[in-house]
Amino acid sequence: MKAMILAAGKGERMRPLTLHTPKPLLEVGGKPLIQWHIEALAQAGIRDLVINHAWLGEQLETYFGNGAAWGVRIQWSAEGEPLETGGGIHRALPLLGAEPFLLVNGDIWTGIDFARLQLAEGCLAHLVLVDNPEHKAQGDFVLHEGRVLNPQAGDTGLTYSGVALLAPELLVSEPGDSFPLAPLLRRAAAAGQVSGEHYPGLWIDVGTPERLALADRLAWEG
């Protein structure tokens, strides 16, 4: 199985930290945030990686190169401008191949075990959902008996963690320009084609300097 790490965002909420450094290279526990994913993927036996980038992306390529120093093989998908999540994945499909692949948002910090995730038969996606963080009370999806459903009025739901297994068929027919992933997931969920699971463990959306500091503190505490 291959994996794609999304690393093309500008990290505007992280400024001024990201004015001269791409967010995936900001340090947590003494090493770049994205390195935690690379090492976890390698430990899970997933060593063929695709990483997209845009803002200051050449710094990522310079730092990690082909990934050999971390026991992985990295292919880079460069974007002149960010294509949103869906557009970025769509552009990278030729590098990802015809089989389902693991998708990881580059700006989370988590202990999710990538090795144990499975795509249910007949599904186009398998989502890892987490408890709603303080900054997002309503959540994204409802989980019922292993299936991911779109929330109805009054549903609280759970938050999409940024970790998923995706079948290329979810995106292959979409236009190749900029578009978000979320509407595709909601459409597939409405069709009963999304499985999922709840992960109750360590997960931080490292989207602000405050959350970066929290992740850094927890990493050093071990």
C-alpha atoms as a PDB file:
ATOM      1  CA  MET A   1       0.000   0.000   0.000  1.00  0.00           C
ATOM      2  CA  LYS A   2       1.100   3.550  -0.739  1.00  0.00           C
ATOM      3  CA  ALA A   3       0.399   6.606   1.396  1.00  0.00           C
ATOM      4  CA  MET A   4      -0.085  10.271   0.599  1.00  0.00           C
ATOM      5  CA  ILE A   5       0.759  13.013   3.081  1.00  0.00           C
ATOM      6  CA  LEU A   6      -0.960  16.336   2.452  1.00  0.00           C
ATOM      7  CA  ALA A   7       1.551  19.126   2.959  1.00  0.00           C
ATOM      8  CA  ALA A   8       0.525  21.895   0.547  1.00  0.00           C
ATOM      9  CA  GLY A   9      -1.240  24.315   2.890  1.00  0.00           C
ATOM     10  CA  LYS A  10       0.081  27.809   3.543  1.00  0.00           C
ATOM     11  CA  GLY A  11      -0.397  27.565   7.310  1.00  0.00           C
ATOM     12  CA  GLU A  12      -1.796  31.086   7.492  1.00  0.00           C
ATOM     13  CA  ARG A  13      -3.124  30.629  11.042  1.00  0.00           C
ATOM     14  CA  MET A  14       0.440  29.726  12.078  1.00  0.00           C
ATOM     15  CA  ARG A  15       1.959  33.028  11.003  1.00  0.00           C
ATOM     16  CA  PRO A  16       4.501  34.401  11.671  1.00  0.00           C
ATOM     17  CA  LEU A  17       5.977  30.902  12.193  1.00  0.00           C
ATOM     18  CA  THR A  18       5.170  29.924   8.608  1.00  0.00           C
ATOM     19  CA  LEU A  19       6.332  33.069   6.859  1.00  0.00           C
ATOM     20  CA  HIS A  20       9.671  31.446   6.063  1.00  0.00           C
ATOM     21  CA  THR A  21       9.088  27.808   7.058  1.00  0.00           C
ATOM     22  CA  PRO A  22       6.406  25.462   5.662  1.00  0.00           C
ATOM     23  CA  LYS A  23       4.112  24.198   8.405  1.00  0.00           C
ATOM     24  CA  PRO A  24       5.158  20.529   8.013  1.00  0.00           C
ATOM     25  CA  LEU A  25       8.718  21.518   8.971  1.00  0.00           C
ATOM     26  CA  LEU A  26       7.697  23.208  12.240  1.00  0.00           C
ATOM     27  CA  GLU A  27       9.113  21.154  15.065  1.00  0.00           C
ATOM     28  CA  VAL A  28       7.254  18.972  17.537  1.00  0.00           C
ATOM     29  CA  GLY A  29       9.405  17.220  20.096  1.00  0.00           C
ATOM     30  CA  GLY A  30      12.625  18.180  18.360  1.00  0.00           C
ATOM     31  CA  LYS A  31      11.782  17.064  14.819  1.00  0.00           C
ATOM     32  CA  PRO A  32       9.576  18.290  11.972  1.00  0.00           C
ATOM     33  CA  LEU A  33       5.873  17.601  12.358  1.00  0.00           C
ATOM     34  CA  ILE A  34       5.712  15.669   9.088  1.00  0.00           C
ATOM     35  CA  GLN A  35       8.612  13.463  10.151  1.00  0.00           C
ATOM     36  CA  TRP A  36       6.390  11.878  12.796  1.00  0.00           C
ATOM     37  CA  HIS A  37       4.127  10.658   9.982  1.00  0.00           C
ATOM     38  CA  ILE A  38       6.996   9.440   7.829  1.00  0.00           C
ATOM     39  CA  GLU A  39       8.446   7.421  10.694  1.00  0.00           C
ATOM     40  CA  ALA A  40       5.040   6.029  11.731  1.00  0.00           C
ATOM     41  CA  LEU A  41       4.289   4.985   8.157  1.00  0.00           C
ATOM     42  CA  ALA A  42       7.653   3.261   7.842  1.00  0.00           C
ATOM     43  CA  GLN A  43       7.037   1.446  11.138  1.00  0.00           C
ATOM     44  CA  ALA A  44       3.653   0.311   9.777  1.00  0.00           C
ATOM     45  CA  GLY A  45       5.392  -1.158   6.727  1.00  0.00           C
ATOM     46  CA  ILE A  46       4.138   1.572   4.377  1.00  0.00           C
ATOM     47  CA  ARG A  47       7.248   2.832   2.638  1.00  0.00           C
ATOM     48  CA  ASP A  48       6.054   4.199  -0.709  1.00  0.00           C
ATOM     49  CA  LEU A  49       4.995   7.768  -0.004  1.00  0.00           C
ATOM     50  CA  VAL A  50       3.657  10.637  -2.076  1.00  0.00           C
ATOM     51  CA  ILE A  51       3.851  14.112  -0.544  1.00  0.00           C
ATOM     52  CA  ASN A  52       2.327  17.174  -2.150  1.00  0.00           C
ATOM     53  CA  HIS A  53       3.546  20.672  -1.473  1.00  0.00           C
ATOM     54  CA  ALA A  54       3.124  24.266  -2.572  1.00  0.00           C
ATOM     55  CA  TRP A  55       4.086  27.022  -0.110  1.00  0.00           C
ATOM     56  CA  LEU A  56       7.888  26.853   0.414  1.00  0.00           C
ATOM     57  CA  GLY A  57       7.715  23.253  -0.721  1.00  0.00           C
ATOM     58  CA  GLU A  58      11.286  23.198  -1.972  1.00  0.00           C
ATOM     59  CA  GLN A  59      12.349  23.230   1.681  1.00  0.00           C
ATOM     60  CA  LEU A  60      10.532  19.935   2.206  1.00  0.00           C
ATOM     61  CA  GLU A  61      12.211  18.346  -0.793  1.00  0.00           C
ATOM     62  CA  THR A  62      15.623  19.583   0.340  1.00  0.00           C
ATOM     63  CA  TYR A  63      15.120  18.256   3.880  1.00  0.00           C
ATOM     64  CA  PHE A  64      13.721  14.809   3.086  1.00  0.00           C
ATOM     65  CA  GLY A  65      14.950  14.175  -0.449  1.00  0.00           C
ATOM     66  CA  ASN A  66      13.949  10.719  -1.659  1.00  0.00           C
ATOM     67  CA  GLY A  67      13.274   9.550   1.900  1.00  0.00           C
ATOM     68  CA  ALA A  68      16.048   6.962   2.005  1.00  0.00           C
ATOM     69  CA  ALA A  69      17.399   8.283   5.304  1.00  0.00           C
ATOM     70  CA  TRP A  70      14.031   7.427   6.902  1.00  0.00           C
ATOM     71  CA  GLY A  71      13.616   4.046   5.231  1.00  0.00           C
ATOM     72  CA  VAL A  72      10.954   5.195   2.773  1.00  0.00           C
ATOM     73  CA  ARG A  73      10.673   6.149  -0.898  1.00  0.00           C
ATOM     74  CA  ILE A  74       9.210   9.619  -1.409  1.00  0.00           C
ATOM     75  CA  GLN A  75       7.725  10.944  -4.629  1.00  0.00           C
ATOM     76  CA  TRP A  76       6.900  14.640  -4.629  1.00  0.00           C
ATOM     77  CA  SER A  77       3.787  16.193  -6.141  1.00  0.00           C
ATOM     78  CA  ALA A  78       4.535  19.894  -6.520  1.00  0.00           C
ATOM     79  CA  GLU A  79       1.692  22.396  -6.874  1.00  0.00           C
ATOM     80  CA  GLY A  80       2.242  25.955  -8.062  1.00  0.00           C
ATOM     81  CA  GLU A  81      -0.751  26.972  -5.963  1.00  0.00           C
ATOM     82  CA  PRO A  82      -2.583  24.796  -3.444  1.00  0.00           C
ATOM     83  CA  LEU A  83      -5.309  22.789  -5.185  1.00  0.00           C
ATOM     84  CA  GLU A  84      -7.332  22.145  -2.010  1.00  0.00           C
ATOM     85  CA  THR A  85      -7.400  18.647  -0.613  1.00  0.00           C
ATOM     86  CA  GLY A  86      -9.325  16.949  -3.406  1.00  0.00           C
ATOM     87  CA  GLY A  87      -7.453  18.664  -6.223  1.00  0.00           C
ATOM     88  CA  GLY A  88      -4.097  17.858  -4.668  1.00  0.00           C
ATOM     89  CA  ILE A  89      -4.955  14.175  -4.354  1.00  0.00           C
ATOM     90  CA  HIS A  90      -6.365  14.089  -7.874  1.00  0.00           C
ATOM     91  CA  ARG A  91      -3.143  15.475  -9.325  1.00  0.00           C
ATOM     92  CA  ALA A  92      -1.147  12.833  -7.439  1.00  0.00           C
ATOM     93  CA  LEU A  93      -3.265   9.847  -8.575  1.00  0.00           C
ATOM     94  CA  PRO A  94      -0.772   8.807 -11.297  1.00  0.00           C
ATOM     95  CA  LEU A  95       1.862   8.470  -8.559  1.00  0.00           C
ATOM     96  CA  LEU A  96      -0.479   6.604  -6.205  1.00  0.00           C
ATOM     97  CA  GLY A  97      -1.579   3.907  -8.639  1.00  0.00           C
ATOM     98  CA  ALA A  98      -4.773   1.897  -8.951  1.00  0.00           C
ATOM     99  CA  GLU A  99      -4.977   0.416  -5.447  1.00  0.00           C
ATOM    100  CA  PRO A 100      -6.469   1.993  -2.301  1.00  0.00           C
ATOM    101  CA  PHE A 101      -4.027   4.252  -0.484  1.00  0.00           C
ATOM    102  CA  LEU A 102      -3.629   5.777   2.955  1.00  0.00           C
ATOM    103  CA  LEU A 103      -4.194   9.513   3.260  1.00  0.00           C
ATOM    104  CA  VAL A 104      -2.721  11.526   6.133  1.00  0.00           C
ATOM    105  CA  ASN A 105      -3.118  15.245   6.750  1.00  0.00           C
ATOM    106  CA  GLY A 106       0.350  16.660   7.341  1.00  0.00           C
ATOM    107  CA  ASP A 107      -0.821  19.057  10.056  1.00  0.00           C
ATOM    108  CA  ILE A 108      -2.043  16.603  12.665  1.00  0.00           C
ATOM    109  CA  TRP A 109      -0.113  14.898  15.460  1.00  0.00           C
ATOM    110  CA  THR A 110      -1.476  11.535  16.497  1.00  0.00           C
ATOM    111  CA  GLY A 111      -0.834   8.018  17.689  1.00  0.00           C
ATOM    112  CA  ILE A 112      -3.171   6.342  15.175  1.00  0.00           C
ATOM    113  CA  ASP A 113      -1.834   2.915  14.166  1.00  0.00           C
ATOM    114  CA  PHE A 114      -1.699   3.103  10.386  1.00  0.00           C
ATOM    115  CA  ALA A 115      -0.986  -0.623  10.020  1.00  0.00           C
ATOM    116  CA  ARG A 116      -4.382  -1.787  11.263  1.00  0.00           C
ATOM    117  CA  LEU A 117      -6.637   0.314   9.030  1.00  0.00           C
ATOM    118  CA  GLN A 118      -8.748  -1.555   6.475  1.00  0.00           C
ATOM    119  CA  LEU A 119     -11.102  -0.512   3.688  1.00  0.00           C
ATOM    120  CA  ALA A 120     -14.398  -2.391   3.917  1.00  0.00           C
ATOM    121  CA  GLU A 121     -15.551  -4.295   0.853  1.00  0.00           C
ATOM    122  CA  GLY A 122     -17.675  -2.160  -1.443  1.00  0.00           C
ATOM    123  CA  CYS A 123     -16.511   1.098   0.126  1.00  0.00           C
ATOM    124  CA  LEU A 124     -14.680   3.991  -1.470  1.00  0.00           C
ATOM    125  CA  ALA A 125     -13.307   5.337   1.800  1.00  0.00           C
ATOM    126  CA  HIS A 126     -12.573   4.371   5.394  1.00  0.00           C
ATOM    127  CA  LEU A 127     -12.360   7.298   7.804  1.00  0.00           C
ATOM    128  CA  VAL A 128     -10.782   7.529  11.228  1.00  0.00           C
ATOM    129  CA  LEU A 129     -12.990   9.734  13.391  1.00  0.00           C
ATOM    130  CA  VAL A 130     -12.030  11.353  16.689  1.00  0.00           C
ATOM    131  CA  ASP A 131     -13.785  13.108  19.551  1.00  0.00           C
ATOM    132  CA  ASN A 132     -14.644  16.700  18.707  1.00  0.00           C
ATOM    133  CA  PRO A 133     -11.906  19.121  19.790  1.00  0.00           C
ATOM    134  CA  GLU A 134     -12.734  22.307  21.660  1.00  0.00           C
ATOM    135  CA  HIS A 135     -12.561  24.408  18.510  1.00  0.00           C
ATOM    136  CA  LYS A 136     -15.033  22.190  16.627  1.00  0.00           C
ATOM    137  CA  ALA A 137     -18.078  21.223  18.642  1.00  0.00           C
ATOM    138  CA  GLN A 138     -20.369  19.740  15.986  1.00  0.00           C
ATOM    139  CA  GLY A 139     -18.152  17.223  14.246  1.00  0.00           C
ATOM    140  CA  ASP A 140     -18.269  16.082  10.634  1.00  0.00           C
ATOM    141  CA  PHE A 141     -19.854  12.638  10.426  1.00  0.00           C
ATOM    142  CA  VAL A 142     -21.903  10.138  12.408  1.00  0.00           C
ATOM    143  CA  LEU A 143     -20.541   6.632  12.978  1.00  0.00           C
ATOM    144  CA  HIS A 144     -23.087   3.801  13.118  1.00  0.00           C
ATOM    145  CA  GLU A 145     -22.137   0.123  13.185  1.00  0.00           C
ATOM    146  CA  GLY A 146     -18.930   0.691  11.284  1.00  0.00           C
ATOM    147  CA  ARG A 147     -20.482   2.928   8.632  1.00  0.00           C
ATOM    148  CA  VAL A 148     -19.945   6.662   8.274  1.00  0.00           C
ATOM    149  CA  LEU A 149     -23.124   8.682   7.766  1.00  0.00           C
ATOM    150  CA  ASN A 150     -23.807  12.332   7.137  1.00  0.00           C
ATOM    151  CA  PRO A 151     -25.207  14.017  10.258  1.00  0.00           C
ATOM    152  CA  GLN A 152     -28.865  14.910  10.390  1.00  0.00           C
ATOM    153  CA  ALA A 153     -30.454  17.774  12.307  1.00  0.00           C
ATOM    154  CA  GLY A 154     -29.584  17.467  15.971  1.00  0.00           C
ATOM    155  CA  ASP A 155     -26.693  15.037  15.456  1.00  0.00           C
ATOM    156  CA  THR A 156     -23.396  15.948  17.119  1.00  0.00           C
ATOM    157  CA  GLY A 157     -21.219  13.454  15.304  1.00  0.00           C
ATOM    158  CA  LEU A 158     -17.465  13.010  15.379  1.00  0.00           C
ATOM    159  CA  THR A 159     -14.598  14.866  13.723  1.00  0.00           C
ATOM    160  CA  TYR A 160     -12.709  13.540  10.719  1.00  0.00           C
ATOM    161  CA  SER A 161      -9.157  13.004  11.922  1.00  0.00           C
ATOM    162  CA  GLY A 162      -7.411  13.640   8.612  1.00  0.00           C
ATOM    163  CA  VAL A 163      -6.515   9.950   8.317  1.00  0.00           C
ATOM    164  CA  ALA A 164      -8.326   7.785   5.796  1.00  0.00           C
ATOM    165  CA  LEU A 165      -8.044   4.945   3.339  1.00  0.00           C
ATOM    166  CA  LEU A 166      -9.274   5.988  -0.096  1.00  0.00           C
ATOM    167  CA  ALA A 167     -10.004   4.121  -3.295  1.00  0.00           C
ATOM    168  CA  PRO A 168      -8.833   6.072  -6.357  1.00  0.00           C
ATOM    169  CA  GLU A 169     -12.325   5.654  -7.817  1.00  0.00           C
ATOM    170  CA  LEU A 170     -13.533   8.245  -5.303  1.00  0.00           C
ATOM    171  CA  LEU A 171     -11.630  10.956  -7.160  1.00  0.00           C
ATOM    172  CA  VAL A 172     -10.682   9.691 -10.602  1.00  0.00           C
ATOM    173  CA  SER A 173     -13.683  11.169 -12.435  1.00  0.00           C
ATOM    174  CA  GLU A 174     -13.419  14.584 -10.777  1.00  0.00           C
ATOM    175  CA  PRO A 175     -11.937  17.581 -12.601  1.00  0.00           C
ATOM    176  CA  GLY A 176      -8.226  18.013 -12.080  1.00  0.00           C
ATOM    177  CA  ASP A 177      -8.291  21.577 -10.828  1.00  0.00           C
ATOM    178  CA  SER A 178      -8.874  22.864  -7.307  1.00  0.00           C
ATOM    179  CA  PHE A 179     -11.670  21.246  -5.307  1.00  0.00           C
ATOM    180  CA  PRO A 180     -12.218  20.037  -1.712  1.00  0.00           C
ATOM    181  CA  LEU A 181     -12.354  16.413  -0.605  1.00  0.00           C
ATOM    182  CA  ALA A 182     -15.211  16.774   1.894  1.00  0.00           C
ATOM    183  CA  PRO A 183     -18.106  16.905  -0.640  1.00  0.00           C
ATOM    184  CA  LEU A 184     -16.851  13.692  -2.256  1.00  0.00           C
ATOM    185  CA  LEU A 185     -16.787  11.963   1.125  1.00  0.00           C
ATOM    186  CA  ARG A 186     -20.286  13.201   1.934  1.00  0.00           C
ATOM    187  CA  ARG A 187     -21.594  11.981  -1.405  1.00  0.00           C
ATOM    188  CA  ALA A 188     -20.018   8.561  -0.876  1.00  0.00           C
ATOM    189  CA  ALA A 189     -21.359   8.441   2.702  1.00  0.00           C
ATOM    190  CA  ALA A 190     -24.864   9.174   1.422  1.00  0.00           C
ATOM    191  CA  ALA A 191     -24.473   6.217  -0.930  1.00  0.00           C
ATOM    192  CA  GLY A 192     -23.380   3.912   1.907  1.00  0.00           C
ATOM    193  CA  GLN A 193     -19.828   3.649   0.567  1.00  0.00           C
ATOM    194  CA  VAL A 194     -17.836   4.925   3.553  1.00  0.00           C
ATOM    195  CA  SER A 195     -16.755   2.780   6.486  1.00  0.00           C
ATOM    196  CA  GLY A 196     -15.144   4.166   9.599  1.00  0.00           C
ATOM    197  CA  GLU A 197     -13.905   3.784  13.127  1.00  0.00           C
ATOM    198  CA  HIS A 198     -13.568   5.888  16.262  1.00  0.00           C
ATOM    199  CA  TYR A 199     -10.072   6.567  17.555  1.00  0.00           C
ATOM    200  CA  PRO A 200     -10.137   7.753  21.199  1.00  0.00           C
ATOM    201  CA  GLY A 201      -6.406   8.290  21.630  1.00  0.00           C
ATOM    202  CA  LEU A 202      -3.864  11.050  21.071  1.00  0.00           C
ATOM    203  CA  TRP A 203      -4.817  13.449  18.277  1.00  0.00           C
ATOM    204  CA  ILE A 204      -4.134  17.161  17.836  1.00  0.00           C
ATOM    205  CA  ASP A 205      -5.048  19.347  14.891  1.00  0.00           C
ATOM    206  CA  VAL A 206      -1.862  21.417  14.807  1.00  0.00           C
ATOM    207  CA  GLY A 207      -3.502  24.431  13.232  1.00  0.00           C
ATOM    208  CA  THR A 208      -2.441  27.268  15.539  1.00  0.00           C
ATOM    209  CA  PRO A 209       0.715  28.216  17.461  1.00  0.00           C
ATOM    210  CA  GLU A 210      -1.062  27.278  20.687  1.00  0.00           C
ATOM    211  CA  ARG A 211      -1.828  23.755  19.467  1.00  0.00           C
ATOM    212  CA  LEU A 212       1.694  23.411  18.115  1.00  0.00           C
ATOM    213  CA  ALA A 213       2.999  24.288  21.589  1.00  0.00           C
ATOM    214  CA  LEU A 214       0.667  21.695  23.133  1.00  0.00           C
ATOM    215  CA  ALA A 215       1.864  18.967  20.781  1.00  0.00           C
ATOM    216  CA  ASP A 216       5.466  19.951  21.434  1.00  0.00           C
ATOM    217  CA  ARG A 217       4.988  19.766  25.189  1.00  0.00           C
ATOM    218  CA  LEU A 218       3.281  16.365  25.012  1.00  0.00           C
ATOM    219  CA  ALA A 219       5.976  15.016  22.698  1.00  0.00           C
ATOM    220  CA  TRP A 220       8.749  15.985  25.086  1.00  0.00           C
ATOM    221  CA  GLU A 221       6.795  14.488  28.000  1.00  0.00           C
ATOM    222  CA  GLY A 222       6.670  11.231  26.081  1.00  0.00           C
END
